Amino acid sequence: MFKYAVIFLIISLVAGAVGFTNVSTIARRISFILFGLFLLVFLVLIGFAYLAGRAIEASALVTPLVA
């Protein structure tokens, strides 16, 4: 997803330099949306990793019932 955001950003910059302002605007919007989605997914995965780490630490403190 991040790769496509960068690709659309490059398309936007090239189109803006050439003078295709409509193409540049659309590519820039797509780039922003994809980067926002990437950032949201990244933050959710960081949260899950934090919760999983806490669960692993908590499970190590519990003594097993079956010996």
N, C-alpha and C. Protein backbone atom coordinates (compact mmCIF):
# COMPACT_ATOMS: atom_id res chain seq x y z
N MET A 1 0.82 -1.17 0.00
CA MET A 1 0.00 0.00 0.00
C MET A 1 0.89 1.26 0.00
N PHE A 2 1.96 1.23 0.80
CA PHE A 2 2.86 2.36 0.85
C PHE A 2 3.55 2.55 -0.50
N LYS A 3 3.85 1.43 -1.17
CA LYS A 3 4.50 1.50 -2.47
C LYS A 3 3.61 2.23 -3.48
N TYR A 4 2.31 1.92 -3.46
CA TYR A 4 1.39 2.58 -4.37
C TYR A 4 1.20 4.05 -4.03
N ALA A 5 1.25 4.38 -2.74
CA ALA A 5 1.16 5.79 -2.35
C ALA A 5 2.34 6.57 -2.90
N VAL A 6 3.53 5.99 -2.83
CA VAL A 6 4.72 6.67 -3.37
C VAL A 6 4.64 6.76 -4.89
N ILE A 7 4.15 5.71 -5.53
CA ILE A 7 4.02 5.74 -6.99
C ILE A 7 3.07 6.84 -7.43
N PHE A 8 1.91 6.96 -6.76
CA PHE A 8 0.95 8.00 -7.11
C PHE A 8 1.51 9.39 -6.79
N LEU A 9 2.32 9.50 -5.75
CA LEU A 9 2.95 10.78 -5.44
C LEU A 9 3.92 11.19 -6.55
N ILE A 10 4.69 10.24 -7.06
CA ILE A 10 5.61 10.53 -8.15
C ILE A 10 4.84 10.90 -9.42
N ILE A 11 3.75 10.17 -9.68
CA ILE A 11 2.91 10.51 -10.83
C ILE A 11 2.37 11.92 -10.69
N SER A 12 1.95 12.28 -9.49
CA SER A 12 1.42 13.62 -9.25
C SER A 12 2.48 14.69 -9.48
N LEU A 13 3.70 14.44 -9.01
CA LEU A 13 4.76 15.42 -9.19
C LEU A 13 5.13 15.58 -10.67
N VAL A 14 5.22 14.47 -11.39
CA VAL A 14 5.57 14.54 -12.81
C VAL A 14 4.46 15.21 -13.60
N ALA A 15 3.21 14.86 -13.32
CA ALA A 15 2.09 15.46 -14.02
C ALA A 15 2.00 16.96 -13.72
N GLY A 16 2.29 17.34 -12.48
CA GLY A 16 2.28 18.76 -12.14
C GLY A 16 3.39 19.52 -12.84
N ALA A 17 4.56 18.90 -12.98
CA ALA A 17 5.67 19.56 -13.67
C ALA A 17 5.40 19.71 -15.16
N VAL A 18 4.71 18.74 -15.74
CA VAL A 18 4.41 18.80 -17.16
C VAL A 18 3.25 19.77 -17.44
N GLY A 19 2.35 19.91 -16.47
CA GLY A 19 1.24 20.84 -16.64
C GLY A 19 -0.12 20.20 -16.63
N PHE A 20 -0.18 18.92 -16.38
CA PHE A 20 -1.46 18.24 -16.30
C PHE A 20 -2.00 18.38 -14.87
N THR A 21 -2.64 19.50 -14.60
CA THR A 21 -3.03 19.79 -13.22
C THR A 21 -4.16 18.88 -12.74
N ASN A 22 -5.08 18.51 -13.62
CA ASN A 22 -6.18 17.62 -13.20
C ASN A 22 -5.65 16.24 -12.82
N VAL A 23 -4.75 15.70 -13.63
CA VAL A 23 -4.15 14.40 -13.34
C VAL A 23 -3.33 14.48 -12.05
N SER A 24 -2.62 15.60 -11.89
CA SER A 24 -1.81 15.79 -10.69
C SER A 24 -2.68 15.83 -9.43
N THR A 25 -3.81 16.52 -9.50
CA THR A 25 -4.71 16.62 -8.35
C THR A 25 -5.30 15.26 -7.98
N ILE A 26 -5.73 14.52 -8.98
CA ILE A 26 -6.32 13.20 -8.71
C ILE A 26 -5.27 12.25 -8.14
N ALA A 27 -4.08 12.24 -8.72
CA ALA A 27 -3.02 11.36 -8.23
C ALA A 27 -2.61 11.74 -6.81
N ARG A 28 -2.60 13.04 -6.51
CA ARG A 28 -2.25 13.49 -5.16
C ARG A 28 -3.30 13.03 -4.15
N ARG A 29 -4.57 13.13 -4.51
CA ARG A 29 -5.63 12.67 -3.60
C ARG A 29 -5.54 11.17 -3.35
N ILE A 30 -5.31 10.41 -4.41
CA ILE A 30 -5.17 8.97 -4.25
C ILE A 30 -3.97 8.65 -3.37
N SER A 31 -2.88 9.36 -3.58
CA SER A 31 -1.68 9.16 -2.77
C SER A 31 -1.95 9.43 -1.30
N PHE A 32 -2.65 10.53 -0.98
CA PHE A 32 -2.97 10.86 0.40
C PHE A 32 -3.88 9.81 1.04
N ILE A 33 -4.86 9.33 0.29
CA ILE A 33 -5.77 8.32 0.81
C ILE A 33 -5.02 7.02 1.10
N LEU A 34 -4.18 6.60 0.17
CA LEU A 34 -3.43 5.36 0.37
C LEU A 34 -2.45 5.49 1.53
N PHE A 35 -1.80 6.65 1.66
CA PHE A 35 -0.88 6.83 2.77
C PHE A 35 -1.64 6.84 4.10
N GLY A 36 -2.81 7.46 4.12
CA GLY A 36 -3.63 7.45 5.34
C GLY A 36 -4.04 6.04 5.73
N LEU A 37 -4.44 5.24 4.75
CA LEU A 37 -4.81 3.85 5.03
C LEU A 37 -3.60 3.06 5.53
N PHE A 38 -2.44 3.30 4.91
CA PHE A 38 -1.22 2.63 5.34
C PHE A 38 -0.90 2.99 6.79
N LEU A 39 -0.99 4.26 7.12
CA LEU A 39 -0.69 4.71 8.48
C LEU A 39 -1.67 4.11 9.49
N LEU A 40 -2.94 4.05 9.12
CA LEU A 40 -3.95 3.47 10.01
C LEU A 40 -3.69 1.99 10.25
N VAL A 41 -3.40 1.24 9.19
CA VAL A 41 -3.12 -0.20 9.33
C VAL A 41 -1.84 -0.41 10.14
N PHE A 42 -0.84 0.43 9.92
CA PHE A 42 0.41 0.34 10.67
C PHE A 42 0.17 0.54 12.16
N LEU A 43 -0.61 1.55 12.51
CA LEU A 43 -0.89 1.81 13.92
C LEU A 43 -1.70 0.69 14.57
N VAL A 44 -2.65 0.13 13.83
CA VAL A 44 -3.43 -0.99 14.35
C VAL A 44 -2.53 -2.20 14.59
N LEU A 45 -1.62 -2.48 13.67
CA LEU A 45 -0.71 -3.62 13.85
C LEU A 45 0.24 -3.39 15.02
N ILE A 46 0.69 -2.16 15.21
CA ILE A 46 1.54 -1.85 16.37
C ILE A 46 0.75 -2.09 17.65
N GLY A 47 -0.52 -1.70 17.68
CA GLY A 47 -1.37 -1.93 18.84
C GLY A 47 -1.56 -3.42 19.12
N PHE A 48 -1.80 -4.20 18.07
CA PHE A 48 -1.94 -5.64 18.25
C PHE A 48 -0.65 -6.27 18.77
N ALA A 49 0.48 -5.82 18.26
CA ALA A 49 1.76 -6.36 18.72
C ALA A 49 1.98 -6.03 20.19
N TYR A 50 1.61 -4.84 20.60
CA TYR A 50 1.72 -4.45 22.00
C TYR A 50 0.83 -5.32 22.88
N LEU A 51 -0.41 -5.53 22.45
CA LEU A 51 -1.32 -6.37 23.22
C LEU A 51 -0.86 -7.82 23.27
N ALA A 52 -0.33 -8.33 22.17
CA ALA A 52 0.17 -9.70 22.15
C ALA A 52 1.37 -9.84 23.08
N GLY A 53 2.24 -8.85 23.09
CA GLY A 53 3.38 -8.89 24.00
C GLY A 53 2.95 -8.89 25.45
N ARG A 54 1.95 -8.09 25.77
CA ARG A 54 1.44 -8.06 27.14
C ARG A 54 0.80 -9.40 27.50
N ALA A 55 0.10 -10.03 26.56
CA ALA A 55 -0.54 -11.32 26.82
C ALA A 55 0.52 -12.40 27.04
N ILE A 56 1.59 -12.35 26.29
CA ILE A 56 2.66 -13.35 26.46
C ILE A 56 3.33 -13.17 27.82
N GLU A 57 3.57 -11.93 28.20
CA GLU A 57 4.17 -11.67 29.52
C GLU A 57 3.25 -12.13 30.64
N ALA A 58 1.96 -11.90 30.49
CA ALA A 58 1.00 -12.30 31.53
C ALA A 58 0.89 -13.82 31.61
N SER A 59 0.97 -14.50 30.48
CA SER A 59 0.85 -15.95 30.50
C SER A 59 2.09 -16.60 31.10
N ALA A 60 3.22 -15.94 31.04
CA ALA A 60 4.44 -16.49 31.62
C ALA A 60 4.39 -16.44 33.15
N LEU A 61 3.58 -15.55 33.69
CA LEU A 61 3.47 -15.41 35.15
C LEU A 61 2.52 -16.46 35.76
N VAL A 62 1.63 -17.01 34.96
CA VAL A 62 0.65 -17.98 35.44
C VAL A 62 1.28 -19.36 35.50
N THR A 63 1.13 -20.03 36.62
CA THR A 63 1.67 -21.38 36.73
C THR A 63 0.73 -22.36 36.03
N PRO A 64 1.27 -23.33 35.32
CA PRO A 64 0.42 -24.28 34.62
C PRO A 64 -0.34 -25.17 35.60
N LEU A 65 -1.60 -25.49 35.26
CA LEU A 65 -2.44 -26.31 36.14
C LEU A 65 -2.14 -27.79 35.94
N VAL A 66 -1.73 -28.18 34.76
CA VAL A 66 -1.42 -29.57 34.47
C VAL A 66 0.08 -29.75 34.59
N ALA A 67 0.47 -30.68 35.46
CA ALA A 67 1.90 -30.88 35.66
C ALA A 67 2.38 -32.17 35.06
